[in-house]
Amino acid sequence: MKLSIINGSPRGASGNTEKLLEHFINGFSETAGNSTEKFYLIKERPDFEKLKGVFLDAEILMIAFPLYVDAMPGSVKEFFESLEPLKNKRPDLRLMFVIQNGFPETYHNRFVERYCEKLAKRLGCIYEGSICKGGCEGLTVQPPQLVEKVFSGFHNVGKSFGETGKLSPEVLSKLARPEHLTPENMKLVIPMVNNFLWDGLLNKNGAMDKKFDKPFE
């Protein structure tokens, strides 16, 4: 199989989407004969001509992007809208998505997942499914055991897809955990996020004493 990938993150090769894709590709490439090519959406604005060519030529196309407070980046939406003239020109194209966000619950992704499924159908393509994962913010500062769990999950999804050519519902469900946080989970997660992410950034910038300021009050 030849898999074409469009990284839709505004951060390009330096973002969390890129890290997740690397592990998916490693798993996918374990099957002999599989190959990948990757493109960066942010480099192709504003006309997206190169990416439209990828859409027209790809065997399987994966579009990966983060959510920012439940919304896809504006550049990704701009690209999706630019595909309207190509509607029904690729009925054989297998189209799939990776949707990741920083909030711990993968449920945040489900609404955009439904949008992506509808998009694929409106473009006249074959919808292969979406890989959804929450808790991906701060992968460089999260505890190693949590990061490794996320990375190994993407590797397993890539490996499974590389072997079968299909996204396994069981593997996707395992990767997506937790779909929802329980009140007990929240008591553990919120202090951890504060300690490892926000407090670390405040300390780095010498702003810990301003932690509870209310400048707009």
N, C-alpha and C. Protein backbone atom coordinates (compact mmCIF):
# COMPACT_ATOMS: atom_id res chain seq x y z
N MET A 1 0.84 -1.20 0.00
CA MET A 1 0.00 0.00 0.00
C MET A 1 0.87 1.25 0.00
N LYS A 2 0.39 2.26 -0.69
CA LYS A 2 1.06 3.55 -0.65
C LYS A 2 0.14 4.54 0.05
N LEU A 3 0.62 5.09 1.14
CA LEU A 3 -0.16 6.01 1.95
C LEU A 3 0.39 7.43 1.81
N SER A 4 -0.46 8.34 1.36
CA SER A 4 -0.09 9.76 1.30
C SER A 4 -0.65 10.45 2.53
N ILE A 5 0.18 11.28 3.17
CA ILE A 5 -0.20 11.92 4.43
C ILE A 5 -0.05 13.43 4.30
N ILE A 6 -1.08 14.15 4.72
CA ILE A 6 -1.01 15.61 4.81
C ILE A 6 -1.06 15.98 6.29
N ASN A 7 0.03 16.54 6.78
CA ASN A 7 0.07 17.04 8.16
C ASN A 7 -0.53 18.44 8.16
N GLY A 8 -1.71 18.58 8.76
CA GLY A 8 -2.41 19.85 8.74
C GLY A 8 -2.12 20.75 9.92
N SER A 9 -1.17 20.39 10.76
CA SER A 9 -0.86 21.22 11.92
C SER A 9 -0.22 22.54 11.51
N PRO A 10 -0.66 23.66 12.08
CA PRO A 10 0.00 24.94 11.82
C PRO A 10 1.46 24.95 12.26
N ARG A 11 1.82 24.03 13.15
CA ARG A 11 3.21 23.93 13.62
C ARG A 11 4.08 23.10 12.69
N GLY A 12 3.48 22.51 11.68
CA GLY A 12 4.26 21.74 10.72
C GLY A 12 5.00 20.58 11.36
N ALA A 13 6.29 20.46 11.04
CA ALA A 13 7.09 19.34 11.52
C ALA A 13 7.49 19.45 12.99
N SER A 14 7.18 20.56 13.64
CA SER A 14 7.59 20.74 15.03
C SER A 14 6.46 20.49 16.03
N GLY A 15 5.28 20.10 15.55
CA GLY A 15 4.13 19.94 16.43
C GLY A 15 3.91 18.52 16.92
N ASN A 16 2.91 18.37 17.78
CA ASN A 16 2.57 17.06 18.32
C ASN A 16 1.99 16.13 17.25
N THR A 17 1.30 16.70 16.27
CA THR A 17 0.75 15.88 15.19
C THR A 17 1.86 15.13 14.48
N GLU A 18 2.99 15.81 14.25
CA GLU A 18 4.13 15.17 13.59
C GLU A 18 4.67 14.01 14.40
N LYS A 19 4.77 14.18 15.73
CA LYS A 19 5.27 13.10 16.59
C LYS A 19 4.37 11.88 16.51
N LEU A 20 3.06 12.09 16.52
CA LEU A 20 2.13 10.98 16.45
C LEU A 20 2.21 10.28 15.09
N LEU A 21 2.34 11.06 14.03
CA LEU A 21 2.45 10.48 12.69
C LEU A 21 3.70 9.63 12.56
N GLU A 22 4.78 10.06 13.17
CA GLU A 22 6.02 9.29 13.08
C GLU A 22 5.83 7.88 13.62
N HIS A 23 5.11 7.76 14.72
CA HIS A 23 4.91 6.43 15.32
C HIS A 23 3.91 5.61 14.51
N PHE A 24 2.90 6.26 13.96
CA PHE A 24 1.97 5.54 13.07
C PHE A 24 2.74 5.01 11.85
N ILE A 25 3.56 5.86 11.25
CA ILE A 25 4.32 5.46 10.05
C ILE A 25 5.26 4.31 10.36
N ASN A 26 5.91 4.35 11.52
CA ASN A 26 6.81 3.26 11.89
C ASN A 26 6.07 1.92 11.95
N GLY A 27 4.87 1.93 12.53
CA GLY A 27 4.08 0.71 12.58
C GLY A 27 3.60 0.29 11.20
N PHE A 28 3.14 1.23 10.42
CA PHE A 28 2.65 0.95 9.07
C PHE A 28 3.75 0.37 8.19
N SER A 29 4.96 0.88 8.35
CA SER A 29 6.08 0.48 7.48
C SER A 29 6.66 -0.88 7.84
N GLU A 30 6.22 -1.49 8.93
CA GLU A 30 6.71 -2.82 9.28
C GLU A 30 6.25 -3.89 8.30
N THR A 31 5.19 -3.62 7.58
CA THR A 31 4.70 -4.57 6.58
C THR A 31 5.42 -4.31 5.26
N ALA A 32 6.04 -5.32 4.74
CA ALA A 32 6.81 -5.19 3.49
C ALA A 32 5.92 -4.70 2.36
N GLY A 33 6.46 -3.78 1.58
CA GLY A 33 5.75 -3.25 0.43
C GLY A 33 4.97 -1.98 0.70
N ASN A 34 4.80 -1.64 1.97
CA ASN A 34 4.11 -0.39 2.31
C ASN A 34 5.05 0.80 2.18
N SER A 35 4.53 1.92 1.75
CA SER A 35 5.34 3.13 1.62
C SER A 35 4.50 4.35 1.96
N THR A 36 5.16 5.44 2.33
CA THR A 36 4.45 6.67 2.68
C THR A 36 5.12 7.87 2.02
N GLU A 37 4.33 8.91 1.80
CA GLU A 37 4.83 10.22 1.42
C GLU A 37 4.07 11.24 2.26
N LYS A 38 4.78 12.29 2.71
CA LYS A 38 4.18 13.22 3.65
C LYS A 38 4.33 14.65 3.14
N PHE A 39 3.28 15.44 3.37
CA PHE A 39 3.25 16.84 2.96
C PHE A 39 2.78 17.69 4.13
N TYR A 40 3.17 18.98 4.10
CA TYR A 40 2.81 19.89 5.18
C TYR A 40 1.87 20.97 4.64
N LEU A 41 0.65 20.95 5.12
CA LEU A 41 -0.39 21.85 4.63
C LEU A 41 0.01 23.31 4.76
N ILE A 42 0.65 23.65 5.88
CA ILE A 42 0.96 25.06 6.16
C ILE A 42 1.92 25.64 5.13
N LYS A 43 2.68 24.79 4.45
CA LYS A 43 3.63 25.25 3.44
C LYS A 43 2.96 25.51 2.09
N GLU A 44 1.72 25.06 1.93
CA GLU A 44 1.09 25.10 0.61
C GLU A 44 -0.01 26.15 0.48
N ARG A 45 -0.20 26.95 1.53
CA ARG A 45 -1.18 28.02 1.43
C ARG A 45 -0.65 29.11 0.48
N PRO A 46 -1.52 29.87 -0.18
CA PRO A 46 -2.98 29.84 -0.04
C PRO A 46 -3.72 29.03 -1.10
N ASP A 47 -3.03 28.55 -2.14
CA ASP A 47 -3.79 27.93 -3.24
C ASP A 47 -3.90 26.41 -3.12
N PHE A 48 -2.99 25.78 -2.35
CA PHE A 48 -3.03 24.33 -2.10
C PHE A 48 -2.93 23.50 -3.38
N GLU A 49 -2.35 24.06 -4.43
CA GLU A 49 -2.33 23.34 -5.72
C GLU A 49 -1.62 22.00 -5.62
N LYS A 50 -0.50 21.97 -4.90
CA LYS A 50 0.24 20.72 -4.77
C LYS A 50 -0.59 19.68 -4.04
N LEU A 51 -1.31 20.10 -3.00
CA LEU A 51 -2.11 19.16 -2.22
C LEU A 51 -3.34 18.70 -2.98
N LYS A 52 -3.87 19.56 -3.84
CA LYS A 52 -4.97 19.12 -4.69
C LYS A 52 -4.49 18.02 -5.65
N GLY A 53 -3.23 18.14 -6.09
CA GLY A 53 -2.65 17.09 -6.92
C GLY A 53 -2.50 15.80 -6.15
N VAL A 54 -2.13 15.90 -4.88
CA VAL A 54 -2.05 14.71 -4.04
C VAL A 54 -3.42 14.05 -3.91
N PHE A 55 -4.44 14.87 -3.70
CA PHE A 55 -5.81 14.35 -3.60
C PHE A 55 -6.19 13.59 -4.87
N LEU A 56 -5.81 14.11 -6.03
CA LEU A 56 -6.19 13.49 -7.29
C LEU A 56 -5.39 12.23 -7.59
N ASP A 57 -4.19 12.10 -7.02
CA ASP A 57 -3.29 11.00 -7.38
C ASP A 57 -3.16 9.91 -6.32
N ALA A 58 -3.54 10.20 -5.08
CA ALA A 58 -3.25 9.28 -3.97
C ALA A 58 -4.04 7.99 -4.07
N GLU A 59 -3.45 6.93 -3.56
CA GLU A 59 -4.14 5.65 -3.39
C GLU A 59 -4.96 5.68 -2.09
N ILE A 60 -4.30 6.05 -1.01
CA ILE A 60 -4.93 6.26 0.29
C ILE A 60 -4.42 7.60 0.81
N LEU A 61 -5.31 8.45 1.26
CA LEU A 61 -4.92 9.77 1.75
C LEU A 61 -5.34 9.93 3.21
N MET A 62 -4.35 10.26 4.04
CA MET A 62 -4.60 10.55 5.46
C MET A 62 -4.36 12.04 5.68
N ILE A 63 -5.32 12.70 6.32
CA ILE A 63 -5.18 14.10 6.68
C ILE A 63 -5.19 14.19 8.20
N ALA A 64 -4.12 14.70 8.78
CA ALA A 64 -3.96 14.73 10.24
C ALA A 64 -3.90 16.17 10.73
N PHE A 65 -4.56 16.44 11.84
CA PHE A 65 -4.55 17.80 12.38
C PHE A 65 -4.96 17.82 13.84
N PRO A 66 -4.58 18.88 14.56
CA PRO A 66 -4.99 19.05 15.95
C PRO A 66 -6.30 19.82 16.04
N LEU A 67 -6.90 19.79 17.21
CA LEU A 67 -8.02 20.66 17.52
C LEU A 67 -7.53 21.72 18.50
N TYR A 68 -8.00 22.92 18.32
CA TYR A 68 -7.71 24.00 19.26
C TYR A 68 -9.03 24.43 19.90
N VAL A 69 -9.22 24.01 21.16
CA VAL A 69 -10.48 24.23 21.87
C VAL A 69 -11.65 23.74 21.01
N ASP A 70 -11.57 22.51 20.61
CA ASP A 70 -12.64 21.78 19.89
C ASP A 70 -12.79 22.16 18.42
N ALA A 71 -11.99 23.08 17.91
CA ALA A 71 -12.12 23.50 16.51
C ALA A 71 -10.87 23.16 15.72
N MET A 72 -11.05 22.75 14.47
CA MET A 72 -9.91 22.49 13.61
C MET A 72 -9.22 23.81 13.25
N PRO A 73 -7.92 23.78 12.94
CA PRO A 73 -7.24 25.01 12.51
C PRO A 73 -7.91 25.61 11.28
N GLY A 74 -7.91 26.95 11.21
CA GLY A 74 -8.53 27.62 10.07
C GLY A 74 -7.91 27.21 8.75
N SER A 75 -6.60 26.93 8.74
CA SER A 75 -5.93 26.53 7.50
C SER A 75 -6.43 25.17 7.01
N VAL A 76 -6.78 24.29 7.94
CA VAL A 76 -7.32 22.98 7.56
C VAL A 76 -8.70 23.15 6.94
N LYS A 77 -9.54 23.96 7.58
CA LYS A 77 -10.88 24.22 7.03
C LYS A 77 -10.77 24.88 5.65
N GLU A 78 -9.80 25.77 5.51
CA GLU A 78 -9.57 26.43 4.23
C GLU A 78 -9.22 25.41 3.15
N PHE A 79 -8.37 24.45 3.50
CA PHE A 79 -7.99 23.40 2.54
C PHE A 79 -9.18 22.53 2.18
N PHE A 80 -9.96 22.14 3.19
CA PHE A 80 -11.13 21.32 2.92
C PHE A 80 -12.07 22.02 1.93
N GLU A 81 -12.28 23.30 2.14
CA GLU A 81 -13.18 24.05 1.26
C GLU A 81 -12.61 24.19 -0.15
N SER A 82 -11.27 24.19 -0.26
CA SER A 82 -10.65 24.30 -1.58
C SER A 82 -10.85 23.04 -2.42
N LEU A 83 -11.24 21.94 -1.79
CA LEU A 83 -11.43 20.67 -2.50
C LEU A 83 -12.79 20.58 -3.19
N GLU A 84 -13.65 21.55 -2.96
CA GLU A 84 -15.01 21.48 -3.51
C GLU A 84 -15.03 21.27 -5.03
N PRO A 85 -14.14 21.92 -5.81
CA PRO A 85 -14.17 21.69 -7.27
C PRO A 85 -13.78 20.26 -7.66
N LEU A 86 -13.19 19.49 -6.72
CA LEU A 86 -12.75 18.13 -7.03
C LEU A 86 -13.79 17.09 -6.62
N LYS A 87 -14.95 17.56 -6.22
CA LYS A 87 -16.03 16.66 -5.80
C LYS A 87 -16.35 15.64 -6.88
N ASN A 88 -16.41 14.37 -6.47
CA ASN A 88 -16.76 13.23 -7.32
C ASN A 88 -15.70 12.90 -8.38
N LYS A 89 -14.51 13.51 -8.28
CA LYS A 89 -13.45 13.18 -9.23
C LYS A 89 -12.59 12.01 -8.77
N ARG A 90 -12.74 11.62 -7.49
CA ARG A 90 -11.96 10.49 -6.99
C ARG A 90 -12.85 9.52 -6.20
N PRO A 91 -13.78 8.85 -6.85
CA PRO A 91 -14.65 7.91 -6.14
C PRO A 91 -13.91 6.71 -5.58
N ASP A 92 -12.69 6.47 -6.06
CA ASP A 92 -11.89 5.34 -5.59
C ASP A 92 -10.92 5.73 -4.48
N LEU A 93 -10.84 7.01 -4.14
CA LEU A 93 -9.88 7.47 -3.13
C LEU A 93 -10.32 7.04 -1.73
N ARG A 94 -9.43 6.40 -1.02
CA ARG A 94 -9.69 6.01 0.37
C ARG A 94 -9.17 7.14 1.26
N LEU A 95 -10.09 7.80 1.95
CA LEU A 95 -9.77 9.01 2.70
C LEU A 95 -9.94 8.75 4.20
N MET A 96 -8.90 9.08 4.97
CA MET A 96 -8.93 8.87 6.42
C MET A 96 -8.33 10.07 7.13
N PHE A 97 -8.57 10.14 8.43
CA PHE A 97 -8.18 11.32 9.19
C PHE A 97 -7.55 10.93 10.52
N VAL A 98 -6.65 11.81 11.00
CA VAL A 98 -6.15 11.74 12.37
C VAL A 98 -6.55 13.05 13.05
N ILE A 99 -7.27 12.94 14.16
CA ILE A 99 -7.74 14.11 14.89
C ILE A 99 -7.26 13.99 16.32
N GLN A 100 -6.38 14.92 16.73
CA GLN A 100 -5.85 14.86 18.09
C GLN A 100 -6.09 16.18 18.80
N ASN A 101 -6.26 16.12 20.12
CA ASN A 101 -6.45 17.34 20.88
C ASN A 101 -5.76 17.24 22.23
N GLY A 102 -5.62 18.37 22.90
CA GLY A 102 -4.88 18.41 24.16
C GLY A 102 -5.70 18.05 25.37
N PHE A 103 -7.02 18.18 25.30
CA PHE A 103 -7.85 17.83 26.45
C PHE A 103 -7.78 16.33 26.69
N PRO A 104 -7.90 15.89 27.94
CA PRO A 104 -7.73 14.46 28.24
C PRO A 104 -8.78 13.55 27.61
N GLU A 105 -9.99 14.06 27.38
CA GLU A 105 -11.07 13.21 26.89
C GLU A 105 -11.13 13.20 25.37
N THR A 106 -11.09 12.01 24.78
CA THR A 106 -11.18 11.89 23.33
C THR A 106 -12.57 12.27 22.82
N TYR A 107 -13.55 12.30 23.69
CA TYR A 107 -14.91 12.67 23.28
C TYR A 107 -14.94 14.03 22.60
N HIS A 108 -14.00 14.92 22.94
CA HIS A 108 -13.95 16.24 22.30
C HIS A 108 -13.79 16.12 20.78
N ASN A 109 -13.20 15.02 20.32
CA ASN A 109 -12.91 14.86 18.89
C ASN A 109 -14.10 14.36 18.09
N ARG A 110 -15.10 13.82 18.76
CA ARG A 110 -16.14 13.07 18.05
C ARG A 110 -16.99 13.93 17.13
N PHE A 111 -17.15 15.20 17.46
CA PHE A 111 -17.97 16.07 16.62
C PHE A 111 -17.26 16.40 15.31
N VAL A 112 -15.96 16.65 15.39
CA VAL A 112 -15.18 16.89 14.18
C VAL A 112 -15.02 15.59 13.39
N GLU A 113 -14.97 14.47 14.08
CA GLU A 113 -14.93 13.17 13.40
C GLU A 113 -16.16 13.00 12.50
N ARG A 114 -17.33 13.37 13.00
CA ARG A 114 -18.55 13.26 12.21
C ARG A 114 -18.49 14.19 10.99
N TYR A 115 -17.91 15.38 11.21
CA TYR A 115 -17.73 16.32 10.10
C TYR A 115 -16.84 15.69 9.02
N CYS A 116 -15.75 15.05 9.42
CA CYS A 116 -14.82 14.46 8.46
C CYS A 116 -15.48 13.32 7.67
N GLU A 117 -16.30 12.54 8.34
CA GLU A 117 -17.01 11.48 7.64
C GLU A 117 -17.95 12.07 6.59
N LYS A 118 -18.67 13.12 6.97
CA LYS A 118 -19.58 13.77 6.03
C LYS A 118 -18.80 14.41 4.88
N LEU A 119 -17.63 15.01 5.20
CA LEU A 119 -16.80 15.62 4.17
C LEU A 119 -16.39 14.59 3.13
N ALA A 120 -15.90 13.44 3.58
CA ALA A 120 -15.46 12.40 2.65
C ALA A 120 -16.60 11.97 1.73
N LYS A 121 -17.77 11.82 2.29
CA LYS A 121 -18.92 11.40 1.48
C LYS A 121 -19.33 12.48 0.49
N ARG A 122 -19.29 13.74 0.92
CA ARG A 122 -19.67 14.83 0.02
C ARG A 122 -18.66 15.00 -1.12
N LEU A 123 -17.41 14.65 -0.85
CA LEU A 123 -16.40 14.70 -1.90
C LEU A 123 -16.49 13.50 -2.83
N GLY A 124 -17.32 12.53 -2.45
CA GLY A 124 -17.49 11.34 -3.28
C GLY A 124 -16.40 10.32 -3.10
N CYS A 125 -15.72 10.35 -1.93
CA CYS A 125 -14.62 9.43 -1.65
C CYS A 125 -15.07 8.28 -0.75
N ILE A 126 -14.19 7.34 -0.56
CA ILE A 126 -14.43 6.23 0.37
C ILE A 126 -13.92 6.65 1.74
N TYR A 127 -14.78 6.69 2.73
CA TYR A 127 -14.37 7.08 4.08
C TYR A 127 -13.81 5.86 4.80
N GLU A 128 -12.50 5.92 5.11
CA GLU A 128 -11.83 4.80 5.78
C GLU A 128 -11.89 4.89 7.29
N GLY A 129 -12.28 6.05 7.82
CA GLY A 129 -12.36 6.19 9.27
C GLY A 129 -11.43 7.26 9.80
N SER A 130 -11.52 7.49 11.10
CA SER A 130 -10.71 8.51 11.76
C SER A 130 -10.02 7.93 12.99
N ILE A 131 -8.78 8.34 13.19
CA ILE A 131 -8.01 7.98 14.38
C ILE A 131 -8.12 9.15 15.33
N CYS A 132 -8.77 8.97 16.46
CA CYS A 132 -9.02 10.06 17.40
C CYS A 132 -8.28 9.81 18.71
N LYS A 133 -7.66 10.86 19.24
CA LYS A 133 -6.95 10.73 20.50
C LYS A 133 -6.90 12.06 21.24
N GLY A 134 -7.30 12.05 22.50
CA GLY A 134 -7.16 13.20 23.37
C GLY A 134 -5.89 13.10 24.20
N GLY A 135 -5.63 14.12 25.01
CA GLY A 135 -4.49 14.09 25.91
C GLY A 135 -3.14 14.25 25.24
N CYS A 136 -3.10 14.92 24.08
CA CYS A 136 -1.85 15.01 23.32
C CYS A 136 -1.12 16.33 23.49
N GLU A 137 -1.63 17.23 24.33
CA GLU A 137 -0.92 18.48 24.56
C GLU A 137 0.29 18.22 25.46
N GLY A 138 1.38 18.91 25.19
CA GLY A 138 2.55 18.81 26.06
C GLY A 138 3.22 17.45 26.06
N LEU A 139 3.29 16.80 24.89
CA LEU A 139 3.92 15.49 24.84
C LEU A 139 5.39 15.54 25.23
N THR A 140 6.00 16.72 25.10
CA THR A 140 7.41 16.85 25.46
C THR A 140 7.61 17.02 26.96
N VAL A 141 6.53 17.34 27.70
CA VAL A 141 6.68 17.58 29.14
C VAL A 141 5.85 16.62 29.99
N GLN A 142 5.02 15.80 29.37
CA GLN A 142 4.25 14.82 30.13
C GLN A 142 5.17 13.74 30.69
N PRO A 143 4.73 13.05 31.77
CA PRO A 143 5.52 11.94 32.30
C PRO A 143 5.80 10.90 31.23
N PRO A 144 7.01 10.35 31.18
CA PRO A 144 7.40 9.41 30.11
C PRO A 144 6.44 8.24 29.95
N GLN A 145 5.89 7.71 31.05
CA GLN A 145 5.01 6.56 30.93
C GLN A 145 3.72 6.89 30.18
N LEU A 146 3.24 8.13 30.34
CA LEU A 146 2.04 8.53 29.62
C LEU A 146 2.33 8.76 28.13
N VAL A 147 3.47 9.39 27.86
CA VAL A 147 3.85 9.66 26.46
C VAL A 147 4.07 8.35 25.72
N GLU A 148 4.75 7.42 26.35
CA GLU A 148 5.03 6.14 25.70
C GLU A 148 3.74 5.38 25.40
N LYS A 149 2.75 5.51 26.27
CA LYS A 149 1.47 4.84 26.05
C LYS A 149 0.79 5.40 24.81
N VAL A 150 0.84 6.71 24.63
CA VAL A 150 0.25 7.35 23.45
C VAL A 150 1.00 6.94 22.18
N PHE A 151 2.32 7.01 22.24
CA PHE A 151 3.13 6.68 21.06
C PHE A 151 2.97 5.21 20.67
N SER A 152 2.97 4.33 21.63
CA SER A 152 2.82 2.90 21.32
C SER A 152 1.42 2.63 20.75
N GLY A 153 0.43 3.40 21.21
CA GLY A 153 -0.91 3.24 20.66
C GLY A 153 -0.96 3.61 19.19
N PHE A 154 -0.31 4.71 18.80
CA PHE A 154 -0.28 5.10 17.39
C PHE A 154 0.53 4.10 16.57
N HIS A 155 1.60 3.57 17.16
CA HIS A 155 2.38 2.54 16.46
C HIS A 155 1.50 1.32 16.19
N ASN A 156 0.71 0.92 17.17
CA ASN A 156 -0.14 -0.27 17.01
C ASN A 156 -1.23 -0.04 15.97
N VAL A 157 -1.80 1.17 15.94
CA VAL A 157 -2.80 1.47 14.92
C VAL A 157 -2.16 1.41 13.53
N GLY A 158 -0.97 2.00 13.39
CA GLY A 158 -0.27 1.96 12.11
C GLY A 158 0.08 0.55 11.68
N LYS A 159 0.53 -0.25 12.63
CA LYS A 159 0.90 -1.64 12.33
C LYS A 159 -0.32 -2.44 11.87
N SER A 160 -1.42 -2.27 12.60
CA SER A 160 -2.66 -2.98 12.25
C SER A 160 -3.16 -2.56 10.87
N PHE A 161 -3.14 -1.24 10.61
CA PHE A 161 -3.60 -0.77 9.30
C PHE A 161 -2.66 -1.24 8.20
N GLY A 162 -1.37 -1.25 8.47
CA GLY A 162 -0.41 -1.70 7.47
C GLY A 162 -0.58 -3.16 7.11
N GLU A 163 -1.01 -3.96 8.06
CA GLU A 163 -1.19 -5.40 7.83
C GLU A 163 -2.51 -5.72 7.14
N THR A 164 -3.57 -4.99 7.50
CA THR A 164 -4.91 -5.35 7.03
C THR A 164 -5.51 -4.39 6.02
N GLY A 165 -4.98 -3.14 5.98
CA GLY A 165 -5.57 -2.14 5.11
C GLY A 165 -6.86 -1.56 5.65
N LYS A 166 -7.16 -1.85 6.91
CA LYS A 166 -8.36 -1.35 7.55
C LYS A 166 -8.03 -0.83 8.94
N LEU A 167 -8.80 0.15 9.40
CA LEU A 167 -8.67 0.63 10.77
C LEU A 167 -9.52 -0.26 11.67
N SER A 168 -8.88 -0.94 12.59
CA SER A 168 -9.57 -1.87 13.48
C SER A 168 -10.35 -1.09 14.54
N PRO A 169 -11.66 -1.29 14.65
CA PRO A 169 -12.44 -0.62 15.70
C PRO A 169 -11.91 -0.92 17.09
N GLU A 170 -11.43 -2.14 17.31
CA GLU A 170 -10.91 -2.51 18.62
C GLU A 170 -9.64 -1.75 18.95
N VAL A 171 -8.73 -1.63 17.98
CA VAL A 171 -7.48 -0.92 18.20
C VAL A 171 -7.74 0.57 18.38
N LEU A 172 -8.66 1.12 17.59
CA LEU A 172 -9.00 2.54 17.72
C LEU A 172 -9.63 2.84 19.07
N SER A 173 -10.49 1.95 19.53
CA SER A 173 -11.14 2.15 20.82
C SER A 173 -10.14 2.14 21.96
N LYS A 174 -9.17 1.24 21.88
CA LYS A 174 -8.13 1.16 22.91
C LYS A 174 -7.29 2.42 22.92
N LEU A 175 -6.92 2.91 21.74
CA LEU A 175 -6.12 4.13 21.65
C LEU A 175 -6.88 5.33 22.22
N ALA A 176 -8.18 5.39 21.99
CA ALA A 176 -8.98 6.56 22.35
C ALA A 176 -9.19 6.72 23.85
N ARG A 177 -8.92 5.71 24.62
CA ARG A 177 -9.15 5.81 26.07
C ARG A 177 -8.27 6.88 26.71
N PRO A 178 -8.84 7.67 27.64
CA PRO A 178 -10.22 7.65 28.10
C PRO A 178 -11.13 8.48 27.19
N GLU A 179 -12.28 7.92 26.88
CA GLU A 179 -13.28 8.64 26.12
C GLU A 179 -13.89 9.76 26.97
N HIS A 180 -14.16 9.41 28.22
CA HIS A 180 -14.66 10.38 29.20
C HIS A 180 -13.87 10.21 30.49
N LEU A 181 -13.69 11.28 31.23
CA LEU A 181 -13.06 11.21 32.54
C LEU A 181 -14.13 11.12 33.62
N THR A 182 -13.89 10.28 34.59
CA THR A 182 -14.77 10.20 35.75
C THR A 182 -14.37 11.31 36.74
N PRO A 183 -15.23 11.65 37.68
CA PRO A 183 -14.85 12.63 38.70
C PRO A 183 -13.56 12.26 39.42
N GLU A 184 -13.37 10.94 39.63
CA GLU A 184 -12.15 10.48 40.30
C GLU A 184 -10.92 10.75 39.42
N ASN A 185 -11.08 10.53 38.10
CA ASN A 185 -9.99 10.82 37.17
C ASN A 185 -9.63 12.30 37.20
N MET A 186 -10.65 13.15 37.24
CA MET A 186 -10.43 14.59 37.21
C MET A 186 -9.58 15.05 38.39
N LYS A 187 -9.79 14.45 39.54
CA LYS A 187 -9.02 14.82 40.73
C LYS A 187 -7.54 14.51 40.55
N LEU A 188 -7.24 13.51 39.72
CA LEU A 188 -5.85 13.16 39.46
C LEU A 188 -5.27 13.97 38.30
N VAL A 189 -6.08 14.14 37.24
CA VAL A 189 -5.58 14.75 36.01
C VAL A 189 -5.31 16.24 36.16
N ILE A 190 -6.23 16.98 36.79
CA ILE A 190 -6.08 18.43 36.87
C ILE A 190 -4.81 18.83 37.62
N PRO A 191 -4.51 18.28 38.79
CA PRO A 191 -3.24 18.64 39.45
C PRO A 191 -2.02 18.25 38.62
N MET A 192 -2.12 17.11 37.91
CA MET A 192 -0.98 16.67 37.09
C MET A 192 -0.73 17.66 35.95
N VAL A 193 -1.81 18.09 35.28
CA VAL A 193 -1.66 19.05 34.20
C VAL A 193 -1.09 20.36 34.72
N ASN A 194 -1.60 20.80 35.87
CA ASN A 194 -1.09 22.04 36.46
C ASN A 194 0.39 21.95 36.79
N ASN A 195 0.80 20.82 37.37
CA ASN A 195 2.19 20.66 37.82
C ASN A 195 3.16 20.50 36.66
N PHE A 196 2.79 19.69 35.67
CA PHE A 196 3.73 19.36 34.60
C PHE A 196 3.69 20.34 33.44
N LEU A 197 2.57 21.04 33.28
CA LEU A 197 2.47 21.91 32.10
C LEU A 197 2.42 23.38 32.48
N TRP A 198 1.32 23.81 33.08
CA TRP A 198 1.13 25.24 33.32
C TRP A 198 2.11 25.80 34.34
N ASP A 199 2.30 25.10 35.47
CA ASP A 199 3.24 25.60 36.47
C ASP A 199 4.67 25.63 35.93
N GLY A 200 4.99 24.65 35.10
CA GLY A 200 6.32 24.64 34.51
C GLY A 200 6.56 25.83 33.61
N LEU A 201 5.53 26.19 32.82
CA LEU A 201 5.66 27.35 31.94
C LEU A 201 5.71 28.65 32.75
N LEU A 202 4.91 28.71 33.82
CA LEU A 202 4.94 29.91 34.67
C LEU A 202 6.31 30.09 35.30
N ASN A 203 6.87 29.01 35.82
CA ASN A 203 8.21 29.09 36.42
C ASN A 203 9.25 29.49 35.39
N LYS A 204 9.16 28.92 34.20
CA LYS A 204 10.13 29.21 33.14
C LYS A 204 10.14 30.69 32.79
N ASN A 205 8.96 31.32 32.86
CA ASN A 205 8.83 32.73 32.49
C ASN A 205 8.81 33.67 33.69
N GLY A 206 9.14 33.14 34.87
CA GLY A 206 9.19 33.96 36.07
C GLY A 206 7.87 34.61 36.42
N ALA A 207 6.77 33.88 36.17
CA ALA A 207 5.43 34.47 36.37
C ALA A 207 4.59 33.72 37.40
N MET A 208 5.24 32.87 38.20
CA MET A 208 4.47 32.08 39.15
C MET A 208 3.69 32.96 40.14
N ASP A 209 4.26 34.11 40.51
CA ASP A 209 3.57 34.98 41.46
C ASP A 209 2.34 35.66 40.85
N LYS A 210 2.17 35.54 39.54
CA LYS A 210 1.02 36.13 38.87
C LYS A 210 -0.03 35.07 38.52
N LYS A 211 0.12 33.90 39.06
CA LYS A 211 -0.71 32.75 38.69
C LYS A 211 -2.21 33.03 38.83
N PHE A 212 -2.57 33.77 39.86
CA PHE A 212 -4.00 34.00 40.10
C PHE A 212 -4.43 35.43 39.77
N ASP A 213 -3.63 36.14 38.98
CA ASP A 213 -4.02 37.48 38.56
C ASP A 213 -5.29 37.43 37.68
N LYS A 214 -6.04 38.53 37.73
CA LYS A 214 -7.25 38.63 36.93
C LYS A 214 -7.23 39.96 36.15
N PRO A 215 -6.42 40.01 35.10
CA PRO A 215 -6.22 41.29 34.41
C PRO A 215 -7.46 41.88 33.76
N PHE A 216 -8.44 41.04 33.47
CA PHE A 216 -9.64 41.56 32.79
C PHE A 216 -10.80 41.83 33.74
N GLU A 217 -10.55 41.60 35.00
CA GLU A 217 -11.64 41.80 35.97
C GLU A 217 -11.90 43.29 36.21
